[in-house]
Amino acid sequence: LARPKYVIAPSSAVSAPTCAATPSTKGCRILEYQYATATTASATSLGTVAGQVSGLRLWTTLPGASTSTATAVSQYAYDSQGRLREQWDPRISPALKTSYTYDSADRVLTQTPPGELPWTFKYGKVGSNAVAGEGMMLALSRPTLKAGTKDEQDGNKAVTSLVYEVPLSGDKAPNAVSPNQAAQWSQTDAPTDATAVFPA
């Protein structure tokens, strides 16, 4: 099983192979993935799932230090089905968690950042080409607040919507990026399709 272990930032002070072999080397700046060795998540409580990311550590060298040290910067909690349910920065207390819920097809249904109202995701199928499917995101929305209030909803929603199969050429194309047109600026890999995002 191939899993990322380190993301090593380039540095003139020390080589990437050295940091990969010895992360504590002075000058190393590394993001380390940590994987759970056991499953603690159950039907009644969130926890870890064996083999899945349980946290991230950042290796850095403090001013004047002779070695690089690791600090936990992100933690993750899953449900018994292995779905990510919570993420938070363990350096902050009390924990400010981003939470997730899922629909019956295991697609993200809501994302709730700490201290904010949840984003709700809407899915469906658009078009009939080979890549069209029921899991295409159509829109995401969340309730809006009455002007001048901190937590009083006004009954409306902020909606970000997506439009698929945007034309690549012709009068209705927002930008002409067909293979022939892309070749004019020496781009050999031309777009095959386009999607428009209309932010809230």
N, C-alpha and C. Protein backbone atom coordinates (compact mmCIF):
# COMPACT_ATOMS: atom_id res chain seq x y z
N LEU A 1 0.85 -1.19 0.00
CA LEU A 1 0.00 0.00 0.00
C LEU A 1 0.88 1.24 0.00
N ALA A 2 0.73 2.10 -1.01
CA ALA A 2 1.52 3.33 -1.10
C ALA A 2 0.76 4.47 -0.44
N ARG A 3 1.33 5.01 0.63
CA ARG A 3 0.70 6.12 1.33
C ARG A 3 1.73 7.22 1.52
N PRO A 4 1.32 8.48 1.41
CA PRO A 4 2.28 9.56 1.67
C PRO A 4 2.72 9.54 3.13
N LYS A 5 3.99 9.75 3.36
CA LYS A 5 4.52 9.80 4.72
C LYS A 5 4.99 11.19 5.08
N TYR A 6 5.78 11.79 4.18
CA TYR A 6 6.31 13.13 4.42
C TYR A 6 6.04 14.03 3.22
N VAL A 7 5.76 15.30 3.49
CA VAL A 7 5.82 16.35 2.49
C VAL A 7 6.96 17.25 2.94
N ILE A 8 8.05 17.25 2.18
CA ILE A 8 9.28 17.92 2.60
C ILE A 8 9.45 19.21 1.82
N ALA A 9 9.53 20.31 2.54
CA ALA A 9 9.72 21.61 1.90
C ALA A 9 11.16 21.74 1.41
N PRO A 10 11.36 22.33 0.22
CA PRO A 10 12.73 22.51 -0.27
C PRO A 10 13.49 23.48 0.61
N SER A 11 14.77 23.21 0.79
CA SER A 11 15.60 24.05 1.66
C SER A 11 17.04 24.02 1.17
N SER A 12 17.70 25.17 1.26
CA SER A 12 19.12 25.23 0.91
C SER A 12 19.99 24.76 2.06
N ALA A 13 19.38 24.59 3.24
CA ALA A 13 20.15 24.23 4.43
C ALA A 13 20.39 22.73 4.54
N VAL A 14 19.46 21.93 4.00
CA VAL A 14 19.57 20.48 4.15
C VAL A 14 18.82 19.82 2.99
N SER A 15 19.27 18.65 2.58
CA SER A 15 18.67 17.98 1.43
C SER A 15 17.41 17.22 1.83
N ALA A 16 16.53 17.01 0.86
CA ALA A 16 15.30 16.26 1.11
C ALA A 16 15.58 14.82 1.54
N PRO A 17 16.54 14.11 0.92
CA PRO A 17 16.82 12.75 1.38
C PRO A 17 17.27 12.70 2.84
N THR A 18 18.04 13.71 3.27
CA THR A 18 18.46 13.75 4.67
C THR A 18 17.27 13.93 5.59
N CYS A 19 16.37 14.83 5.22
CA CYS A 19 15.18 15.06 6.04
C CYS A 19 14.28 13.83 6.08
N ALA A 20 14.19 13.12 4.96
CA ALA A 20 13.37 11.91 4.92
C ALA A 20 13.93 10.83 5.83
N ALA A 21 15.26 10.76 5.89
CA ALA A 21 15.91 9.74 6.73
C ALA A 21 15.92 10.15 8.20
N THR A 22 16.14 11.45 8.45
CA THR A 22 16.22 11.94 9.84
C THR A 22 15.47 13.27 9.93
N PRO A 23 14.16 13.23 10.20
CA PRO A 23 13.37 14.46 10.24
C PRO A 23 13.83 15.48 11.27
N SER A 24 14.52 15.02 12.30
CA SER A 24 14.96 15.94 13.35
C SER A 24 16.20 16.74 12.98
N THR A 25 16.70 16.55 11.76
CA THR A 25 17.88 17.30 11.32
C THR A 25 17.57 18.79 11.28
N LYS A 26 18.49 19.59 11.77
CA LYS A 26 18.31 21.04 11.78
C LYS A 26 18.04 21.56 10.37
N GLY A 27 17.03 22.39 10.23
CA GLY A 27 16.70 22.98 8.94
C GLY A 27 15.58 22.26 8.20
N CYS A 28 15.21 21.07 8.66
CA CYS A 28 14.14 20.33 7.99
C CYS A 28 12.78 20.95 8.31
N ARG A 29 11.96 21.07 7.30
CA ARG A 29 10.57 21.50 7.47
C ARG A 29 9.71 20.46 6.76
N ILE A 30 8.98 19.68 7.55
CA ILE A 30 8.30 18.50 7.03
C ILE A 30 6.88 18.42 7.58
N LEU A 31 5.95 18.06 6.72
CA LEU A 31 4.61 17.71 7.16
C LEU A 31 4.54 16.18 7.16
N GLU A 32 4.31 15.61 8.33
CA GLU A 32 4.32 14.15 8.49
C GLU A 32 2.90 13.62 8.67
N TYR A 33 2.55 12.63 7.87
CA TYR A 33 1.26 11.95 8.01
C TYR A 33 1.39 10.84 9.05
N GLN A 34 0.45 10.78 9.96
CA GLN A 34 0.41 9.71 10.96
C GLN A 34 -0.81 8.84 10.70
N TYR A 35 -0.61 7.53 10.73
CA TYR A 35 -1.69 6.59 10.44
C TYR A 35 -2.02 5.77 11.68
N ALA A 36 -3.31 5.57 11.90
CA ALA A 36 -3.74 4.80 13.07
C ALA A 36 -3.36 3.33 12.90
N THR A 37 -2.90 2.73 13.98
CA THR A 37 -2.55 1.31 13.96
C THR A 37 -3.69 0.44 14.46
N ALA A 38 -4.72 1.08 15.04
CA ALA A 38 -5.87 0.33 15.55
C ALA A 38 -7.13 1.15 15.34
N THR A 39 -8.27 0.48 15.32
CA THR A 39 -9.56 1.14 15.16
C THR A 39 -10.21 1.34 16.52
N THR A 40 -10.50 2.59 16.85
CA THR A 40 -11.21 2.89 18.11
C THR A 40 -12.61 3.41 17.85
N ALA A 41 -12.93 3.75 16.60
CA ALA A 41 -14.27 4.23 16.26
C ALA A 41 -15.28 3.11 16.43
N SER A 42 -16.46 3.45 16.91
CA SER A 42 -17.52 2.46 17.10
C SER A 42 -18.85 3.04 16.66
N ALA A 43 -19.91 2.27 16.82
CA ALA A 43 -21.24 2.72 16.43
C ALA A 43 -21.73 3.86 17.30
N THR A 44 -21.13 4.03 18.47
CA THR A 44 -21.59 5.05 19.41
C THR A 44 -20.59 6.17 19.64
N SER A 45 -19.37 6.03 19.14
CA SER A 45 -18.37 7.08 19.37
C SER A 45 -17.40 7.18 18.20
N LEU A 46 -16.92 8.38 17.96
CA LEU A 46 -15.94 8.61 16.91
C LEU A 46 -14.56 8.23 17.41
N GLY A 47 -13.67 7.94 16.47
CA GLY A 47 -12.32 7.57 16.86
C GLY A 47 -11.44 7.38 15.65
N THR A 48 -10.44 6.53 15.79
CA THR A 48 -9.51 6.27 14.70
C THR A 48 -9.94 5.03 13.92
N VAL A 49 -9.40 4.91 12.71
CA VAL A 49 -9.62 3.73 11.88
C VAL A 49 -8.25 3.25 11.41
N ALA A 50 -7.95 2.00 11.66
CA ALA A 50 -6.64 1.45 11.32
C ALA A 50 -6.31 1.70 9.85
N GLY A 51 -5.12 2.24 9.62
CA GLY A 51 -4.67 2.49 8.26
C GLY A 51 -5.03 3.84 7.69
N GLN A 52 -5.91 4.57 8.38
CA GLN A 52 -6.30 5.90 7.90
C GLN A 52 -5.58 6.99 8.70
N VAL A 53 -5.47 8.16 8.09
CA VAL A 53 -4.73 9.26 8.72
C VAL A 53 -5.40 9.66 10.03
N SER A 54 -4.62 9.67 11.08
CA SER A 54 -5.14 10.08 12.39
C SER A 54 -4.68 11.48 12.77
N GLY A 55 -3.60 11.94 12.14
CA GLY A 55 -3.10 13.27 12.47
C GLY A 55 -1.96 13.69 11.56
N LEU A 56 -1.61 14.96 11.66
CA LEU A 56 -0.48 15.52 10.94
C LEU A 56 0.46 16.18 11.93
N ARG A 57 1.76 16.00 11.71
CA ARG A 57 2.77 16.68 12.54
C ARG A 57 3.64 17.55 11.64
N LEU A 58 4.00 18.72 12.15
CA LEU A 58 4.87 19.63 11.42
C LEU A 58 6.23 19.69 12.10
N TRP A 59 7.26 19.31 11.34
CA TRP A 59 8.64 19.39 11.84
C TRP A 59 9.22 20.74 11.43
N THR A 60 9.70 21.49 12.40
CA THR A 60 10.33 22.79 12.15
C THR A 60 11.50 22.98 13.10
N THR A 61 12.38 23.91 12.74
CA THR A 61 13.52 24.25 13.59
C THR A 61 13.29 25.62 14.19
N LEU A 62 13.17 25.69 15.49
CA LEU A 62 12.97 26.96 16.17
C LEU A 62 14.25 27.78 16.14
N PRO A 63 14.15 29.11 16.21
CA PRO A 63 15.35 29.95 16.23
C PRO A 63 16.31 29.53 17.34
N GLY A 64 17.56 29.31 16.98
CA GLY A 64 18.58 28.94 17.95
C GLY A 64 18.63 27.46 18.28
N ALA A 65 17.69 26.68 17.78
CA ALA A 65 17.65 25.25 18.09
C ALA A 65 18.65 24.49 17.23
N SER A 66 19.10 23.36 17.75
CA SER A 66 20.07 22.54 17.03
C SER A 66 19.41 21.40 16.27
N THR A 67 18.13 21.19 16.53
CA THR A 67 17.40 20.13 15.84
C THR A 67 16.00 20.62 15.44
N SER A 68 15.39 19.87 14.57
CA SER A 68 14.00 20.12 14.20
C SER A 68 13.10 19.29 15.11
N THR A 69 11.99 19.87 15.54
CA THR A 69 11.08 19.16 16.43
C THR A 69 9.68 19.11 15.81
N ALA A 70 8.90 18.12 16.24
CA ALA A 70 7.57 17.90 15.67
C ALA A 70 6.48 18.45 16.57
N THR A 71 5.47 19.06 15.94
CA THR A 71 4.30 19.57 16.64
C THR A 71 3.05 19.06 15.93
N ALA A 72 2.12 18.50 16.69
CA ALA A 72 0.85 18.05 16.11
C ALA A 72 0.05 19.27 15.67
N VAL A 73 -0.38 19.29 14.40
CA VAL A 73 -1.10 20.46 13.87
C VAL A 73 -2.51 20.12 13.39
N SER A 74 -2.82 18.85 13.26
CA SER A 74 -4.17 18.48 12.82
C SER A 74 -4.50 17.07 13.29
N GLN A 75 -5.74 16.88 13.74
CA GLN A 75 -6.21 15.56 14.15
C GLN A 75 -7.54 15.26 13.48
N TYR A 76 -7.82 13.96 13.32
CA TYR A 76 -9.00 13.52 12.59
C TYR A 76 -9.74 12.43 13.35
N ALA A 77 -11.06 12.48 13.30
CA ALA A 77 -11.90 11.46 13.93
C ALA A 77 -12.87 10.91 12.90
N TYR A 78 -13.07 9.60 12.94
CA TYR A 78 -13.90 8.90 11.96
C TYR A 78 -15.05 8.17 12.66
N ASP A 79 -16.07 7.81 11.86
CA ASP A 79 -17.12 6.97 12.40
C ASP A 79 -16.79 5.51 12.11
N SER A 80 -17.67 4.60 12.52
CA SER A 80 -17.40 3.17 12.38
C SER A 80 -17.35 2.72 10.92
N GLN A 81 -17.83 3.55 10.00
CA GLN A 81 -17.79 3.22 8.58
C GLN A 81 -16.55 3.80 7.90
N GLY A 82 -15.67 4.39 8.68
CA GLY A 82 -14.43 4.92 8.14
C GLY A 82 -14.55 6.28 7.49
N ARG A 83 -15.67 6.97 7.74
CA ARG A 83 -15.87 8.29 7.14
C ARG A 83 -15.36 9.38 8.07
N LEU A 84 -14.67 10.37 7.49
CA LEU A 84 -14.18 11.49 8.28
C LEU A 84 -15.35 12.27 8.86
N ARG A 85 -15.34 12.48 10.18
CA ARG A 85 -16.44 13.19 10.82
C ARG A 85 -15.99 14.49 11.48
N GLU A 86 -14.74 14.53 11.93
CA GLU A 86 -14.25 15.74 12.61
C GLU A 86 -12.77 15.97 12.29
N GLN A 87 -12.41 17.27 12.20
CA GLN A 87 -11.01 17.67 12.04
C GLN A 87 -10.79 18.88 12.92
N TRP A 88 -9.62 18.94 13.59
CA TRP A 88 -9.32 20.08 14.45
C TRP A 88 -7.82 20.23 14.64
N ASP A 89 -7.43 21.41 15.10
CA ASP A 89 -6.04 21.73 15.41
C ASP A 89 -5.83 21.51 16.90
N PRO A 90 -5.06 20.50 17.29
CA PRO A 90 -4.89 20.19 18.71
C PRO A 90 -4.14 21.25 19.50
N ARG A 91 -3.57 22.23 18.82
CA ARG A 91 -2.88 23.30 19.53
C ARG A 91 -3.86 24.30 20.13
N ILE A 92 -5.11 24.25 19.69
CA ILE A 92 -6.12 25.20 20.16
C ILE A 92 -7.01 24.54 21.20
N SER A 93 -7.18 25.19 22.33
CA SER A 93 -8.04 24.66 23.39
C SER A 93 -8.98 25.76 23.88
N PRO A 94 -10.28 25.47 23.99
CA PRO A 94 -10.93 24.20 23.62
C PRO A 94 -10.90 23.97 22.12
N ALA A 95 -11.04 22.70 21.73
CA ALA A 95 -10.93 22.34 20.32
C ALA A 95 -12.01 22.99 19.47
N LEU A 96 -11.60 23.51 18.33
CA LEU A 96 -12.52 24.10 17.35
C LEU A 96 -12.60 23.13 16.17
N LYS A 97 -13.67 22.36 16.13
CA LYS A 97 -13.75 21.25 15.19
C LYS A 97 -14.62 21.57 13.97
N THR A 98 -14.13 21.16 12.82
CA THR A 98 -14.93 21.14 11.61
C THR A 98 -15.57 19.77 11.52
N SER A 99 -16.90 19.72 11.37
CA SER A 99 -17.60 18.43 11.37
C SER A 99 -18.26 18.16 10.02
N TYR A 100 -18.47 16.87 9.74
CA TYR A 100 -19.03 16.43 8.47
C TYR A 100 -20.14 15.41 8.71
N THR A 101 -21.18 15.46 7.87
CA THR A 101 -22.18 14.40 7.83
C THR A 101 -22.28 13.89 6.40
N TYR A 102 -22.92 12.73 6.24
CA TYR A 102 -22.95 12.07 4.94
C TYR A 102 -24.36 11.62 4.58
N ASP A 103 -24.61 11.47 3.28
CA ASP A 103 -25.90 10.94 2.84
C ASP A 103 -25.81 9.43 2.69
N SER A 104 -26.88 8.81 2.20
CA SER A 104 -26.93 7.35 2.11
C SER A 104 -25.95 6.78 1.10
N ALA A 105 -25.44 7.63 0.20
CA ALA A 105 -24.45 7.20 -0.78
C ALA A 105 -23.03 7.51 -0.33
N ASP A 106 -22.87 7.89 0.96
CA ASP A 106 -21.57 8.21 1.54
C ASP A 106 -20.92 9.44 0.93
N ARG A 107 -21.74 10.34 0.41
CA ARG A 107 -21.23 11.63 -0.07
C ARG A 107 -21.37 12.65 1.05
N VAL A 108 -20.45 13.60 1.10
CA VAL A 108 -20.53 14.64 2.13
C VAL A 108 -21.85 15.40 1.96
N LEU A 109 -22.63 15.44 3.02
CA LEU A 109 -23.92 16.14 2.99
C LEU A 109 -23.79 17.53 3.58
N THR A 110 -23.11 17.62 4.73
CA THR A 110 -22.89 18.93 5.35
C THR A 110 -21.46 19.05 5.85
N GLN A 111 -20.97 20.27 5.82
CA GLN A 111 -19.68 20.61 6.42
C GLN A 111 -19.93 21.80 7.33
N THR A 112 -19.57 21.66 8.59
CA THR A 112 -19.81 22.73 9.56
C THR A 112 -18.49 23.21 10.14
N PRO A 113 -17.96 24.35 9.68
CA PRO A 113 -16.75 24.90 10.29
C PRO A 113 -17.05 25.37 11.71
N PRO A 114 -16.05 25.44 12.57
CA PRO A 114 -16.29 25.86 13.95
C PRO A 114 -16.86 27.27 14.02
N GLY A 115 -17.95 27.40 14.77
CA GLY A 115 -18.56 28.71 14.97
C GLY A 115 -19.35 29.24 13.80
N GLU A 116 -19.58 28.40 12.78
CA GLU A 116 -20.30 28.85 11.59
C GLU A 116 -21.51 27.96 11.32
N LEU A 117 -22.41 28.44 10.49
CA LEU A 117 -23.54 27.63 10.06
C LEU A 117 -23.06 26.62 9.02
N PRO A 118 -23.74 25.48 8.91
CA PRO A 118 -23.26 24.43 8.02
C PRO A 118 -23.47 24.72 6.54
N TRP A 119 -22.53 24.24 5.73
CA TRP A 119 -22.72 24.19 4.29
C TRP A 119 -23.40 22.88 3.95
N THR A 120 -24.43 22.91 3.10
CA THR A 120 -25.13 21.71 2.66
C THR A 120 -24.84 21.48 1.18
N PHE A 121 -24.46 20.25 0.83
CA PHE A 121 -24.08 19.91 -0.53
C PHE A 121 -25.24 19.21 -1.25
N LYS A 122 -25.47 19.59 -2.50
CA LYS A 122 -26.53 18.98 -3.31
C LYS A 122 -25.89 18.29 -4.52
N TYR A 123 -26.32 17.05 -4.77
CA TYR A 123 -25.75 16.26 -5.85
C TYR A 123 -26.82 15.84 -6.86
N GLY A 124 -26.38 15.46 -8.04
CA GLY A 124 -27.29 14.98 -9.07
C GLY A 124 -26.51 14.63 -10.32
N LYS A 125 -27.20 14.24 -11.35
CA LYS A 125 -26.57 13.90 -12.63
C LYS A 125 -26.91 14.96 -13.66
N VAL A 126 -25.87 15.42 -14.37
CA VAL A 126 -26.05 16.43 -15.41
C VAL A 126 -25.42 15.92 -16.69
N GLY A 127 -26.18 15.96 -17.77
CA GLY A 127 -25.64 15.54 -19.06
C GLY A 127 -25.66 14.03 -19.24
N SER A 128 -25.15 13.60 -20.39
CA SER A 128 -25.17 12.17 -20.72
C SER A 128 -23.82 11.67 -21.23
N ASN A 129 -22.77 12.46 -21.02
CA ASN A 129 -21.46 12.01 -21.49
C ASN A 129 -20.89 10.93 -20.57
N ALA A 130 -19.72 10.43 -20.93
CA ALA A 130 -19.15 9.27 -20.23
C ALA A 130 -18.84 9.54 -18.77
N VAL A 131 -18.60 10.79 -18.41
CA VAL A 131 -18.22 11.09 -17.03
C VAL A 131 -19.40 11.56 -16.18
N ALA A 132 -20.58 11.65 -16.76
CA ALA A 132 -21.75 12.10 -16.01
C ALA A 132 -22.18 11.02 -15.02
N GLY A 133 -22.56 11.44 -13.82
CA GLY A 133 -23.00 10.48 -12.81
C GLY A 133 -23.79 11.16 -11.72
N GLU A 134 -24.43 10.37 -10.87
CA GLU A 134 -25.29 10.91 -9.82
C GLU A 134 -24.52 11.66 -8.74
N GLY A 135 -23.21 11.49 -8.70
CA GLY A 135 -22.42 12.14 -7.66
C GLY A 135 -21.90 13.51 -8.02
N MET A 136 -22.39 14.10 -9.09
CA MET A 136 -21.91 15.43 -9.49
C MET A 136 -22.48 16.49 -8.56
N MET A 137 -21.61 17.36 -8.08
CA MET A 137 -22.08 18.42 -7.19
C MET A 137 -22.82 19.49 -7.99
N LEU A 138 -24.03 19.79 -7.55
CA LEU A 138 -24.83 20.80 -8.24
C LEU A 138 -24.77 22.15 -7.54
N ALA A 139 -24.74 22.12 -6.23
CA ALA A 139 -24.74 23.37 -5.47
C ALA A 139 -24.36 23.11 -4.03
N LEU A 140 -23.91 24.15 -3.35
CA LEU A 140 -23.73 24.11 -1.91
C LEU A 140 -24.28 25.40 -1.33
N SER A 141 -24.91 25.28 -0.18
CA SER A 141 -25.60 26.44 0.38
C SER A 141 -25.52 26.42 1.89
N ARG A 142 -25.75 27.60 2.48
CA ARG A 142 -25.91 27.66 3.92
C ARG A 142 -26.79 28.85 4.28
N PRO A 143 -27.45 28.78 5.44
CA PRO A 143 -28.35 29.86 5.84
C PRO A 143 -27.61 31.18 5.99
N THR A 144 -28.32 32.26 5.76
CA THR A 144 -27.75 33.60 5.96
C THR A 144 -28.39 34.24 7.19
N LEU A 145 -27.71 35.26 7.70
CA LEU A 145 -28.16 35.93 8.92
C LEU A 145 -28.79 37.28 8.61
N LYS A 146 -29.63 37.70 9.52
CA LYS A 146 -30.19 39.04 9.41
C LYS A 146 -29.08 40.06 9.61
N ALA A 147 -29.13 41.12 8.85
CA ALA A 147 -28.11 42.17 8.94
C ALA A 147 -28.01 42.69 10.36
N GLY A 148 -26.78 42.79 10.85
CA GLY A 148 -26.55 43.33 12.19
C GLY A 148 -26.71 42.34 13.31
N THR A 149 -26.97 41.06 12.99
CA THR A 149 -27.11 40.04 14.03
C THR A 149 -25.98 39.03 13.94
N LYS A 150 -25.73 38.34 15.05
CA LYS A 150 -24.67 37.34 15.10
C LYS A 150 -25.18 35.93 14.82
N ASP A 151 -26.43 35.67 15.17
CA ASP A 151 -26.92 34.30 15.05
C ASP A 151 -28.39 34.19 14.67
N GLU A 152 -29.00 35.29 14.20
CA GLU A 152 -30.41 35.26 13.84
C GLU A 152 -30.55 35.07 12.33
N GLN A 153 -31.06 33.90 11.93
CA GLN A 153 -31.20 33.59 10.51
C GLN A 153 -32.36 34.36 9.89
N ASP A 154 -32.20 34.71 8.60
CA ASP A 154 -33.23 35.50 7.93
C ASP A 154 -34.11 34.66 7.00
N GLY A 155 -33.92 33.35 7.00
CA GLY A 155 -34.74 32.47 6.17
C GLY A 155 -34.23 32.28 4.76
N ASN A 156 -33.15 32.95 4.41
CA ASN A 156 -32.58 32.81 3.07
C ASN A 156 -31.32 31.96 3.10
N LYS A 157 -30.75 31.72 1.93
CA LYS A 157 -29.54 30.93 1.83
C LYS A 157 -28.54 31.58 0.89
N ALA A 158 -27.27 31.42 1.21
CA ALA A 158 -26.20 31.77 0.29
C ALA A 158 -25.89 30.52 -0.52
N VAL A 159 -25.99 30.61 -1.84
CA VAL A 159 -25.87 29.43 -2.69
C VAL A 159 -24.74 29.59 -3.69
N THR A 160 -23.84 28.62 -3.72
CA THR A 160 -22.84 28.51 -4.76
C THR A 160 -23.28 27.39 -5.70
N SER A 161 -23.41 27.68 -6.98
CA SER A 161 -23.91 26.67 -7.92
C SER A 161 -22.87 26.36 -8.99
N LEU A 162 -22.99 25.17 -9.57
CA LEU A 162 -22.09 24.71 -10.62
C LEU A 162 -22.88 24.39 -11.88
N VAL A 163 -22.32 24.76 -13.02
CA VAL A 163 -22.94 24.47 -14.32
C VAL A 163 -21.93 23.66 -15.14
N TYR A 164 -22.37 22.50 -15.60
CA TYR A 164 -21.49 21.61 -16.35
C TYR A 164 -21.70 21.76 -17.86
N GLU A 165 -20.80 21.14 -18.60
CA GLU A 165 -20.84 21.12 -20.07
C GLU A 165 -20.85 22.54 -20.65
N VAL A 166 -20.03 23.40 -20.09
CA VAL A 166 -19.86 24.74 -20.64
C VAL A 166 -19.17 24.62 -22.00
N PRO A 167 -19.68 25.27 -23.05
CA PRO A 167 -19.07 25.15 -24.38
C PRO A 167 -17.61 25.61 -24.39
N LEU A 168 -16.81 24.90 -25.18
CA LEU A 168 -15.40 25.25 -25.31
C LEU A 168 -15.15 26.16 -26.51
N SER A 169 -16.11 26.25 -27.39
CA SER A 169 -15.96 27.10 -28.57
C SER A 169 -17.34 27.55 -29.04
N GLY A 170 -17.36 28.50 -29.96
CA GLY A 170 -18.63 28.99 -30.47
C GLY A 170 -19.11 30.23 -29.75
N ASP A 171 -20.27 30.72 -30.16
CA ASP A 171 -20.80 31.97 -29.63
C ASP A 171 -21.14 31.89 -28.14
N LYS A 172 -21.48 30.70 -27.65
CA LYS A 172 -21.89 30.56 -26.26
C LYS A 172 -20.74 30.24 -25.31
N ALA A 173 -19.55 30.10 -25.85
CA ALA A 173 -18.39 29.79 -25.01
C ALA A 173 -17.89 31.05 -24.31
N PRO A 174 -17.76 31.03 -22.99
CA PRO A 174 -17.22 32.21 -22.30
C PRO A 174 -15.78 32.49 -22.67
N ASN A 175 -15.03 31.41 -22.97
CA ASN A 175 -13.65 31.53 -23.44
C ASN A 175 -13.43 30.47 -24.52
N ALA A 176 -12.77 30.84 -25.58
CA ALA A 176 -12.52 29.91 -26.67
C ALA A 176 -11.29 29.07 -26.36
N VAL A 177 -11.51 27.80 -26.02
CA VAL A 177 -10.39 26.94 -25.63
C VAL A 177 -10.48 25.58 -26.31
N SER A 178 -11.00 25.54 -27.53
CA SER A 178 -11.05 24.29 -28.28
C SER A 178 -9.63 23.86 -28.63
N PRO A 179 -9.42 22.60 -29.06
CA PRO A 179 -8.06 22.16 -29.42
C PRO A 179 -7.38 23.07 -30.44
N ASN A 180 -8.11 23.50 -31.47
CA ASN A 180 -7.52 24.37 -32.48
C ASN A 180 -7.10 25.71 -31.89
N GLN A 181 -7.94 26.24 -31.01
CA GLN A 181 -7.61 27.53 -30.41
C GLN A 181 -6.48 27.40 -29.39
N ALA A 182 -6.47 26.30 -28.64
CA ALA A 182 -5.39 26.10 -27.68
C ALA A 182 -4.05 25.95 -28.38
N ALA A 183 -4.07 25.39 -29.58
CA ALA A 183 -2.83 25.21 -30.33
C ALA A 183 -2.21 26.53 -30.74
N GLN A 184 -3.01 27.58 -30.79
CA GLN A 184 -2.49 28.88 -31.19
C GLN A 184 -1.49 29.43 -30.18
N TRP A 185 -1.59 29.01 -28.93
CA TRP A 185 -0.58 29.43 -27.95
C TRP A 185 0.29 28.25 -27.51
N SER A 186 0.41 27.27 -28.46
CA SER A 186 1.32 26.13 -28.31
C SER A 186 0.97 25.24 -27.12
N GLN A 187 -0.30 25.15 -26.78
CA GLN A 187 -0.73 24.22 -25.74
C GLN A 187 -1.22 22.95 -26.40
N THR A 188 -0.52 21.85 -26.14
CA THR A 188 -0.86 20.59 -26.79
C THR A 188 -1.96 19.82 -26.06
N ASP A 189 -2.09 20.03 -24.77
CA ASP A 189 -3.15 19.37 -23.99
C ASP A 189 -4.32 20.33 -23.85
N ALA A 190 -5.33 20.12 -24.65
CA ALA A 190 -6.48 21.03 -24.65
C ALA A 190 -7.56 20.53 -23.69
N PRO A 191 -8.39 21.42 -23.17
CA PRO A 191 -9.48 21.02 -22.28
C PRO A 191 -10.46 20.09 -23.01
N THR A 192 -11.01 19.14 -22.28
CA THR A 192 -12.01 18.24 -22.84
C THR A 192 -13.43 18.66 -22.46
N ASP A 193 -13.55 19.39 -21.38
CA ASP A 193 -14.86 19.88 -20.94
C ASP A 193 -14.62 21.04 -19.99
N ALA A 194 -15.69 21.75 -19.66
CA ALA A 194 -15.55 22.90 -18.76
C ALA A 194 -16.74 22.98 -17.82
N THR A 195 -16.47 23.48 -16.63
CA THR A 195 -17.50 23.65 -15.61
C THR A 195 -17.42 25.07 -15.06
N ALA A 196 -18.56 25.71 -14.92
CA ALA A 196 -18.60 27.07 -14.38
C ALA A 196 -19.05 27.03 -12.92
N VAL A 197 -18.42 27.86 -12.11
CA VAL A 197 -18.77 27.97 -10.69
C VAL A 197 -19.29 29.38 -10.44
N PHE A 198 -20.49 29.46 -9.91
CA PHE A 198 -21.09 30.75 -9.57
C PHE A 198 -21.13 30.88 -8.05
N PRO A 199 -20.19 31.65 -7.48
CA PRO A 199 -20.09 31.73 -6.02
C PRO A 199 -21.27 32.43 -5.38
N ALA A 200 -21.46 32.13 -4.11
CA ALA A 200 -22.56 32.75 -3.36
C ALA A 200 -22.33 34.24 -3.25
